[in-house]
Structures are given as C-alpha cells and as structure tokens.
Amino acid sequence: MKAAWEREPMSRLRTFLINEGLWSEAEEAAWKEECGKRVDEEVNAYLETKVQPVEAMFDYLYAELPADYEAQRADAIKWEGR
C-alpha cells in the first residue's frame, strides 16, 4: 500500500511543483480555503433553492412525456399530497 501511494500521480505532481518552486504550502492552504468557501456558497445556494413540486422531475426531463410515465406522474402527484 505504501509503495502504491508513492506512485500516486497527484501526490507526485504536488511534490514536483513544490521542489521546483512552482507551488508552496501557503498557496495550497489559501487554495483549499478558497475552494472551501466556494463549496459553502454553492451548498447554501442549493439549500436556499425553492423546493420543486414532485411533477417537476417528469415535466423537465423530457420534451414530451412518454405515455408510460403519465400514470407514474399522476401517482407521484397523488402521493405527494399525503
């Protein structure tokens, strides 16, 4: 397992970039912090998104709903109202 990690491409690339002076621990820490902030922003945007009605998964999946799914759509609407 240890030998496999030594050949892991991303780890090797990171080591190479640091050894060549093209990347640093400080840059990586700042990058990770920025990525974390961006992820948090997107998660919060998703969580603030209005809940869609159950039929939306049928209405926006196909340009024209296949006949086989019409009964499923009706059942989904009925069950959502429980």
PDB file of N, CA and C in Angstrom:
ATOM      1  N   MET A   1       0.839  -1.183   0.000  1.00  0.00           N
ATOM      2  CA  MET A   1       0.000   0.000   0.000  1.00  0.00           C
ATOM      3  C   MET A   1       0.889   1.253   0.000  1.00  0.00           C
ATOM      4  N   LYS A   2       1.932   1.254   0.798  1.00  0.00           N
ATOM      5  CA  LYS A   2       2.810   2.422   0.852  1.00  0.00           C
ATOM      6  C   LYS A   2       3.453   2.689  -0.508  1.00  0.00           C
ATOM      7  N   ALA A   3       3.888   1.629  -1.176  1.00  0.00           N
ATOM      8  CA  ALA A   3       4.508   1.779  -2.497  1.00  0.00           C
ATOM      9  C   ALA A   3       3.516   2.359  -3.499  1.00  0.00           C
ATOM     10  N   ALA A   4       2.253   1.965  -3.390  1.00  0.00           N
ATOM     11  CA  ALA A   4       1.231   2.493  -4.296  1.00  0.00           C
ATOM     12  C   ALA A   4       1.046   3.988  -4.065  1.00  0.00           C
ATOM     13  N   TRP A   5       1.046   4.425  -2.814  1.00  0.00           N
ATOM     14  CA  TRP A   5       0.882   5.855  -2.525  1.00  0.00           C
ATOM     15  C   TRP A   5       2.071   6.661  -3.051  1.00  0.00           C
ATOM     16  N   GLU A   6       3.238   6.074  -3.077  1.00  0.00           N
ATOM     17  CA  GLU A   6       4.409   6.787  -3.598  1.00  0.00           C
ATOM     18  C   GLU A   6       4.302   7.004  -5.106  1.00  0.00           C
ATOM     19  N   ARG A   7       3.514   6.187  -5.784  1.00  0.00           N
ATOM     20  CA  ARG A   7       3.310   6.336  -7.225  1.00  0.00           C
ATOM     21  C   ARG A   7       2.039   7.124  -7.558  1.00  0.00           C
ATOM     22  N   GLU A   8       1.305   7.522  -6.544  1.00  0.00           N
ATOM     23  CA  GLU A   8       0.042   8.231  -6.760  1.00  0.00           C
ATOM     24  C   GLU A   8       0.331   9.537  -7.508  1.00  0.00           C
ATOM     25  N   PRO A   9      -0.305   9.764  -8.666  1.00  0.00           N
ATOM     26  CA  PRO A   9       0.064  10.881  -9.542  1.00  0.00           C
ATOM     27  C   PRO A   9      -0.122  12.270  -8.933  1.00  0.00           C
ATOM     28  N   MET A  10      -1.193  12.511  -8.204  1.00  0.00           N
ATOM     29  CA  MET A  10      -1.412  13.863  -7.673  1.00  0.00           C
ATOM     30  C   MET A  10      -0.374  14.202  -6.600  1.00  0.00           C
ATOM     31  N   SER A  11      -0.061  13.229  -5.779  1.00  0.00           N
ATOM     32  CA  SER A  11       0.960  13.441  -4.749  1.00  0.00           C
ATOM     33  C   SER A  11       2.317  13.710  -5.395  1.00  0.00           C
ATOM     34  N   ARG A  12       2.627  12.943  -6.428  1.00  0.00           N
ATOM     35  CA  ARG A  12       3.897  13.137  -7.136  1.00  0.00           C
ATOM     36  C   ARG A  12       3.944  14.509  -7.793  1.00  0.00           C
ATOM     37  N   LEU A  13       2.843  14.946  -8.394  1.00  0.00           N
ATOM     38  CA  LEU A  13       2.792  16.259  -9.028  1.00  0.00           C
ATOM     39  C   LEU A  13       2.994  17.366  -7.995  1.00  0.00           C
ATOM     40  N   ARG A  14       2.321  17.230  -6.865  1.00  0.00           N
ATOM     41  CA  ARG A  14       2.461  18.224  -5.787  1.00  0.00           C
ATOM     42  C   ARG A  14       3.913  18.315  -5.335  1.00  0.00           C
ATOM     43  N   THR A  15       4.531  17.169  -5.100  1.00  0.00           N
ATOM     44  CA  THR A  15       5.936  17.147  -4.675  1.00  0.00           C
ATOM     45  C   THR A  15       6.827  17.787  -5.721  1.00  0.00           C
ATOM     46  N   PHE A  16       6.602  17.465  -6.973  1.00  0.00           N
ATOM     47  CA  PHE A  16       7.387  18.050  -8.060  1.00  0.00           C
ATOM     48  C   PHE A  16       7.246  19.570  -8.082  1.00  0.00           C
ATOM     49  N   LEU A  17       5.998  20.054  -8.027  1.00  0.00           N
ATOM     50  CA  LEU A  17       5.772  21.504  -8.084  1.00  0.00           C
ATOM     51  C   LEU A  17       6.417  22.231  -6.914  1.00  0.00           C
ATOM     52  N   ILE A  18       6.328  21.637  -5.731  1.00  0.00           N
ATOM     53  CA  ILE A  18       6.959  22.256  -4.555  1.00  0.00           C
ATOM     54  C   ILE A  18       8.478  22.266  -4.720  1.00  0.00           C
ATOM     55  N   ASN A  19       9.045  21.154  -5.167  1.00  0.00           N
ATOM     56  CA  ASN A  19      10.505  21.077  -5.356  1.00  0.00           C
ATOM     57  C   ASN A  19      11.006  22.046  -6.423  1.00  0.00           C
ATOM     58  N   GLU A  20      10.182  22.326  -7.421  1.00  0.00           N
ATOM     59  CA  GLU A  20      10.562  23.254  -8.484  1.00  0.00           C
ATOM     60  C   GLU A  20      10.269  24.712  -8.128  1.00  0.00           C
ATOM     61  N   GLY A  21       9.678  24.933  -6.961  1.00  0.00           N
ATOM     62  CA  GLY A  21       9.347  26.290  -6.538  1.00  0.00           C
ATOM     63  C   GLY A  21       8.129  26.865  -7.240  1.00  0.00           C
ATOM     64  N   LEU A  22       7.298  26.007  -7.810  1.00  0.00           N
ATOM     65  CA  LEU A  22       6.119  26.452  -8.547  1.00  0.00           C
ATOM     66  C   LEU A  22       4.851  26.403  -7.702  1.00  0.00           C
ATOM     67  N   TRP A  23       4.964  25.858  -6.519  1.00  0.00           N
ATOM     68  CA  TRP A  23       3.822  25.706  -5.614  1.00  0.00           C
ATOM     69  C   TRP A  23       4.367  25.708  -4.201  1.00  0.00           C
ATOM     70  N   SER A  24       3.533  26.122  -3.239  1.00  0.00           N
ATOM     71  CA  SER A  24       4.003  26.145  -1.850  1.00  0.00           C
ATOM     72  C   SER A  24       2.885  25.707  -0.917  1.00  0.00           C
ATOM     73  N   GLU A  25       3.281  25.389   0.303  1.00  0.00           N
ATOM     74  CA  GLU A  25       2.307  25.016   1.328  1.00  0.00           C
ATOM     75  C   GLU A  25       1.327  26.163   1.575  1.00  0.00           C
ATOM     76  N   ALA A  26       1.834  27.395   1.568  1.00  0.00           N
ATOM     77  CA  ALA A  26       0.976  28.567   1.799  1.00  0.00           C
ATOM     78  C   ALA A  26      -0.038  28.726   0.663  1.00  0.00           C
ATOM     79  N   GLU A  27       0.419  28.548  -0.575  1.00  0.00           N
ATOM     80  CA  GLU A  27      -0.505  28.633  -1.708  1.00  0.00           C
ATOM     81  C   GLU A  27      -1.560  27.543  -1.623  1.00  0.00           C
ATOM     82  N   GLU A  28      -1.148  26.355  -1.223  1.00  0.00           N
ATOM     83  CA  GLU A  28      -2.095  25.255  -1.110  1.00  0.00           C
ATOM     84  C   GLU A  28      -3.126  25.526  -0.019  1.00  0.00           C
ATOM     85  N   ALA A  29      -2.668  26.050   1.109  1.00  0.00           N
ATOM     86  CA  ALA A  29      -3.598  26.362   2.201  1.00  0.00           C
ATOM     87  C   ALA A  29      -4.607  27.424   1.759  1.00  0.00           C
ATOM     88  N   ALA A  30      -4.132  28.456   1.060  1.00  0.00           N
ATOM     89  CA  ALA A  30      -5.023  29.512   0.571  1.00  0.00           C
ATOM     90  C   ALA A  30      -6.005  28.953  -0.460  1.00  0.00           C
ATOM     91  N   TRP A  31      -5.503  28.082  -1.331  1.00  0.00           N
ATOM     92  CA  TRP A  31      -6.348  27.473  -2.353  1.00  0.00           C
ATOM     93  C   TRP A  31      -7.428  26.605  -1.721  1.00  0.00           C
ATOM     94  N   LYS A  32      -7.042  25.814  -0.717  1.00  0.00           N
ATOM     95  CA  LYS A  32      -8.025  24.968  -0.030  1.00  0.00           C
ATOM     96  C   LYS A  32      -9.079  25.817   0.673  1.00  0.00           C
ATOM     97  N   GLU A  33      -8.652  26.917   1.275  1.00  0.00           N
ATOM     98  CA  GLU A  33      -9.610  27.805   1.943  1.00  0.00           C
ATOM     99  C   GLU A  33     -10.582  28.410   0.930  1.00  0.00           C
ATOM    100  N   GLU A  34     -10.058  28.872  -0.200  1.00  0.00           N
ATOM    101  CA  GLU A  34     -10.902  29.446  -1.252  1.00  0.00           C
ATOM    102  C   GLU A  34     -11.887  28.405  -1.786  1.00  0.00           C
ATOM    103  N   CYS A  35     -11.395  27.191  -2.018  1.00  0.00           N
ATOM    104  CA  CYS A  35     -12.277  26.126  -2.501  1.00  0.00           C
ATOM    105  C   CYS A  35     -13.366  25.828  -1.487  1.00  0.00           C
ATOM    106  N   GLY A  36     -13.001  25.794  -0.213  1.00  0.00           N
ATOM    107  CA  GLY A  36     -13.988  25.544   0.834  1.00  0.00           C
ATOM    108  C   GLY A  36     -15.068  26.614   0.857  1.00  0.00           C
ATOM    109  N   LYS A  37     -14.662  27.870   0.684  1.00  0.00           N
ATOM    110  CA  LYS A  37     -15.637  28.973   0.653  1.00  0.00           C
ATOM    111  C   LYS A  37     -16.579  28.836  -0.547  1.00  0.00           C
ATOM    112  N   ARG A  38     -16.014  28.495  -1.693  1.00  0.00           N
ATOM    113  CA  ARG A  38     -16.841  28.354  -2.901  1.00  0.00           C
ATOM    114  C   ARG A  38     -17.824  27.193  -2.761  1.00  0.00           C
ATOM    115  N   VAL A  39     -17.361  26.107  -2.171  1.00  0.00           N
ATOM    116  CA  VAL A  39     -18.253  24.964  -1.947  1.00  0.00           C
ATOM    117  C   VAL A  39     -19.374  25.367  -1.002  1.00  0.00           C
ATOM    118  N   ASP A  40     -19.023  26.052   0.084  1.00  0.00           N
ATOM    119  CA  ASP A  40     -20.041  26.504   1.035  1.00  0.00           C
ATOM    120  C   ASP A  40     -21.066  27.413   0.371  1.00  0.00           C
ATOM    121  N   GLU A  41     -20.610  28.328  -0.498  1.00  0.00           N
ATOM    122  CA  GLU A  41     -21.525  29.222  -1.209  1.00  0.00           C
ATOM    123  C   GLU A  41     -22.501  28.427  -2.072  1.00  0.00           C
ATOM    124  N   GLU A  42     -21.994  27.442  -2.782  1.00  0.00           N
ATOM    125  CA  GLU A  42     -22.850  26.644  -3.661  1.00  0.00           C
ATOM    126  C   GLU A  42     -23.810  25.765  -2.862  1.00  0.00           C
ATOM    127  N   VAL A  43     -23.341  25.212  -1.764  1.00  0.00           N
ATOM    128  CA  VAL A  43     -24.217  24.404  -0.912  1.00  0.00           C
ATOM    129  C   VAL A  43     -25.338  25.280  -0.373  1.00  0.00           C
ATOM    130  N   ASN A  44     -24.990  26.473   0.102  1.00  0.00           N
ATOM    131  CA  ASN A  44     -26.014  27.377   0.630  1.00  0.00           C
ATOM    132  C   ASN A  44     -26.993  27.812  -0.460  1.00  0.00           C
ATOM    133  N   ALA A  45     -26.490  28.052  -1.668  1.00  0.00           N
ATOM    134  CA  ALA A  45     -27.386  28.410  -2.777  1.00  0.00           C
ATOM    135  C   ALA A  45     -28.348  27.268  -3.052  1.00  0.00           C
ATOM    136  N   TYR A  46     -27.852  26.046  -3.016  1.00  0.00           N
ATOM    137  CA  TYR A  46     -28.728  24.888  -3.224  1.00  0.00           C
ATOM    138  C   TYR A  46     -29.763  24.783  -2.114  1.00  0.00           C
ATOM    139  N   LEU A  47     -29.315  24.949  -0.873  1.00  0.00           N
ATOM    140  CA  LEU A  47     -30.240  24.819   0.254  1.00  0.00           C
ATOM    141  C   LEU A  47     -31.313  25.903   0.263  1.00  0.00           C
ATOM    142  N   GLU A  48     -31.010  27.049  -0.344  1.00  0.00           N
ATOM    143  CA  GLU A  48     -31.967  28.146  -0.399  1.00  0.00           C
ATOM    144  C   GLU A  48     -32.895  28.040  -1.623  1.00  0.00           C
ATOM    145  N   THR A  49     -32.649  27.065  -2.481  1.00  0.00           N
ATOM    146  CA  THR A  49     -33.473  26.879  -3.668  1.00  0.00           C
ATOM    147  C   THR A  49     -34.863  26.410  -3.254  1.00  0.00           C
ATOM    148  N   LYS A  50     -35.855  27.009  -3.865  1.00  0.00           N
ATOM    149  CA  LYS A  50     -37.235  26.645  -3.581  1.00  0.00           C
ATOM    150  C   LYS A  50     -37.472  25.174  -3.921  1.00  0.00           C
ATOM    151  N   VAL A  51     -38.157  24.478  -3.042  1.00  0.00           N
ATOM    152  CA  VAL A  51     -38.482  23.071  -3.276  1.00  0.00           C
ATOM    153  C   VAL A  51     -39.418  22.980  -4.474  1.00  0.00           C
ATOM    154  N   GLN A  52     -39.077  22.094  -5.386  1.00  0.00           N
ATOM    155  CA  GLN A  52     -39.873  21.930  -6.596  1.00  0.00           C
ATOM    156  C   GLN A  52     -40.974  20.905  -6.349  1.00  0.00           C
ATOM    157  N   PRO A  53     -42.098  21.045  -7.033  1.00  0.00           N
ATOM    158  CA  PRO A  53     -43.151  20.038  -6.903  1.00  0.00           C
ATOM    159  C   PRO A  53     -42.666  18.725  -7.508  1.00  0.00           C
ATOM    160  N   VAL A  54     -43.230  17.632  -7.036  1.00  0.00           N
ATOM    161  CA  VAL A  54     -42.780  16.314  -7.465  1.00  0.00           C
ATOM    162  C   VAL A  54     -42.922  16.117  -8.973  1.00  0.00           C
ATOM    163  N   GLU A  55     -43.909  16.717  -9.584  1.00  0.00           N
ATOM    164  CA  GLU A  55     -44.095  16.521 -11.025  1.00  0.00           C
ATOM    165  C   GLU A  55     -42.993  17.170 -11.857  1.00  0.00           C
ATOM    166  N   ALA A  56     -42.200  18.042 -11.253  1.00  0.00           N
ATOM    167  CA  ALA A  56     -41.112  18.687 -11.988  1.00  0.00           C
ATOM    168  C   ALA A  56     -40.121  17.665 -12.534  1.00  0.00           C
ATOM    169  N   MET A  57     -39.928  16.544 -11.812  1.00  0.00           N
ATOM    170  CA  MET A  57     -38.981  15.546 -12.308  1.00  0.00           C
ATOM    171  C   MET A  57     -39.489  14.877 -13.576  1.00  0.00           C
ATOM    172  N   PHE A  58     -40.776  14.935 -13.818  1.00  0.00           N
ATOM    173  CA  PHE A  58     -41.335  14.411 -15.064  1.00  0.00           C
ATOM    174  C   PHE A  58     -41.401  15.506 -16.122  1.00  0.00           C
ATOM    175  N   ASP A  59     -41.819  16.705 -15.702  1.00  0.00           N
ATOM    176  CA  ASP A  59     -42.070  17.785 -16.648  1.00  0.00           C
ATOM    177  C   ASP A  59     -40.807  18.324 -17.311  1.00  0.00           C
ATOM    178  N   TYR A  60     -39.678  18.256 -16.632  1.00  0.00           N
ATOM    179  CA  TYR A  60     -38.462  18.854 -17.168  1.00  0.00           C
ATOM    180  C   TYR A  60     -37.442  17.834 -17.633  1.00  0.00           C
ATOM    181  N   LEU A  61     -37.795  16.555 -17.613  1.00  0.00           N
ATOM    182  CA  LEU A  61     -36.876  15.521 -18.052  1.00  0.00           C
ATOM    183  C   LEU A  61     -37.010  15.249 -19.547  1.00  0.00           C
ATOM    184  N   TYR A  62     -38.221  15.346 -20.047  1.00  0.00           N
ATOM    185  CA  TYR A  62     -38.492  15.051 -21.456  1.00  0.00           C
ATOM    186  C   TYR A  62     -39.191  16.239 -22.107  1.00  0.00           C
ATOM    187  N   ALA A  63     -38.935  16.431 -23.408  1.00  0.00           N
ATOM    188  CA  ALA A  63     -39.671  17.457 -24.144  1.00  0.00           C
ATOM    189  C   ALA A  63     -41.148  17.066 -24.189  1.00  0.00           C
ATOM    190  N   GLU A  64     -41.395  15.784 -24.429  1.00  0.00           N
ATOM    191  CA  GLU A  64     -42.754  15.232 -24.388  1.00  0.00           C
ATOM    192  C   GLU A  64     -42.710  14.004 -23.495  1.00  0.00           C
ATOM    193  N   LEU A  65     -43.559  13.987 -22.493  1.00  0.00           N
ATOM    194  CA  LEU A  65     -43.567  12.886 -21.533  1.00  0.00           C
ATOM    195  C   LEU A  65     -44.009  11.593 -22.220  1.00  0.00           C
ATOM    196  N   PRO A  66     -43.201  10.539 -22.141  1.00  0.00           N
ATOM    197  CA  PRO A  66     -43.626   9.260 -22.719  1.00  0.00           C
ATOM    198  C   PRO A  66     -44.899   8.759 -22.041  1.00  0.00           C
ATOM    199  N   ALA A  67     -45.749   8.139 -22.805  1.00  0.00           N
ATOM    200  CA  ALA A  67     -47.039   7.666 -22.286  1.00  0.00           C
ATOM    201  C   ALA A  67     -46.864   6.747 -21.085  1.00  0.00           C
ATOM    202  N   ASP A  68     -45.797   5.954 -21.070  1.00  0.00           N
ATOM    203  CA  ASP A  68     -45.558   5.041 -19.949  1.00  0.00           C
ATOM    204  C   ASP A  68     -45.389   5.768 -18.619  1.00  0.00           C
ATOM    205  N   TYR A  69     -44.987   7.021 -18.655  1.00  0.00           N
ATOM    206  CA  TYR A  69     -44.728   7.757 -17.423  1.00  0.00           C
ATOM    207  C   TYR A  69     -45.913   8.604 -16.962  1.00  0.00           C
ATOM    208  N   GLU A  70     -46.932   8.729 -17.755  1.00  0.00           N
ATOM    209  CA  GLU A  70     -48.069   9.563 -17.373  1.00  0.00           C
ATOM    210  C   GLU A  70     -48.739   9.058 -16.101  1.00  0.00           C
ATOM    211  N   ALA A  71     -48.913   7.750 -15.981  1.00  0.00           N
ATOM    212  CA  ALA A  71     -49.520   7.185 -14.767  1.00  0.00           C
ATOM    213  C   ALA A  71     -48.599   7.373 -13.566  1.00  0.00           C
ATOM    214  N   GLN A  72     -47.292   7.222 -13.782  1.00  0.00           N
ATOM    215  CA  GLN A  72     -46.344   7.426 -12.689  1.00  0.00           C
ATOM    216  C   GLN A  72     -46.380   8.875 -12.210  1.00  0.00           C
ATOM    217  N   ARG A  73     -46.491   9.812 -13.153  1.00  0.00           N
ATOM    218  CA  ARG A  73     -46.561  11.228 -12.795  1.00  0.00           C
ATOM    219  C   ARG A  73     -47.804  11.490 -11.957  1.00  0.00           C
ATOM    220  N   ALA A  74     -48.931  10.941 -12.377  1.00  0.00           N
ATOM    221  CA  ALA A  74     -50.186  11.134 -11.640  1.00  0.00           C
ATOM    222  C   ALA A  74     -50.072  10.525 -10.245  1.00  0.00           C
ATOM    223  N   ASP A  75     -49.493   9.336 -10.138  1.00  0.00           N
ATOM    224  CA  ASP A  75     -49.319   8.705  -8.824  1.00  0.00           C
ATOM    225  C   ASP A  75     -48.399   9.527  -7.933  1.00  0.00           C
ATOM    226  N   ALA A  76     -47.347  10.064  -8.498  1.00  0.00           N
ATOM    227  CA  ALA A  76     -46.410  10.871  -7.720  1.00  0.00           C
ATOM    228  C   ALA A  76     -47.096  12.109  -7.158  1.00  0.00           C
ATOM    229  N   ILE A  77     -47.917  12.743  -7.969  1.00  0.00           N
ATOM    230  CA  ILE A  77     -48.655  13.934  -7.513  1.00  0.00           C
ATOM    231  C   ILE A  77     -49.604  13.532  -6.404  1.00  0.00           C
ATOM    232  N   LYS A  78     -50.294  12.397  -6.577  1.00  0.00           N
ATOM    233  CA  LYS A  78     -51.247  11.934  -5.560  1.00  0.00           C
ATOM    234  C   LYS A  78     -50.514  11.649  -4.243  1.00  0.00           C
ATOM    235  N   TRP A  79     -49.376  10.956  -4.294  1.00  0.00           N
ATOM    236  CA  TRP A  79     -48.640  10.598  -3.090  1.00  0.00           C
ATOM    237  C   TRP A  79     -47.984  11.797  -2.432  1.00  0.00           C
ATOM    238  N   GLU A  80     -47.629  12.801  -3.208  1.00  0.00           N
ATOM    239  CA  GLU A  80     -47.010  14.000  -2.625  1.00  0.00           C
ATOM    240  C   GLU A  80     -48.002  14.715  -1.723  1.00  0.00           C
ATOM    241  N   GLY A  81     -49.276  14.638  -2.054  1.00  0.00           N
ATOM    242  CA  GLY A  81     -50.306  15.322  -1.283  1.00  0.00           C
ATOM    243  C   GLY A  81     -50.699  14.611  -0.004  1.00  0.00           C
ATOM    244  N   ARG A  82     -50.029  13.474   0.312  1.00  0.00           N
ATOM    245  CA  ARG A  82     -50.387  12.723   1.525  1.00  0.00           C
ATOM    246  C   ARG A  82     -50.384  13.574   2.740  1.00  0.00           C
TER     247      ARG A  82
END
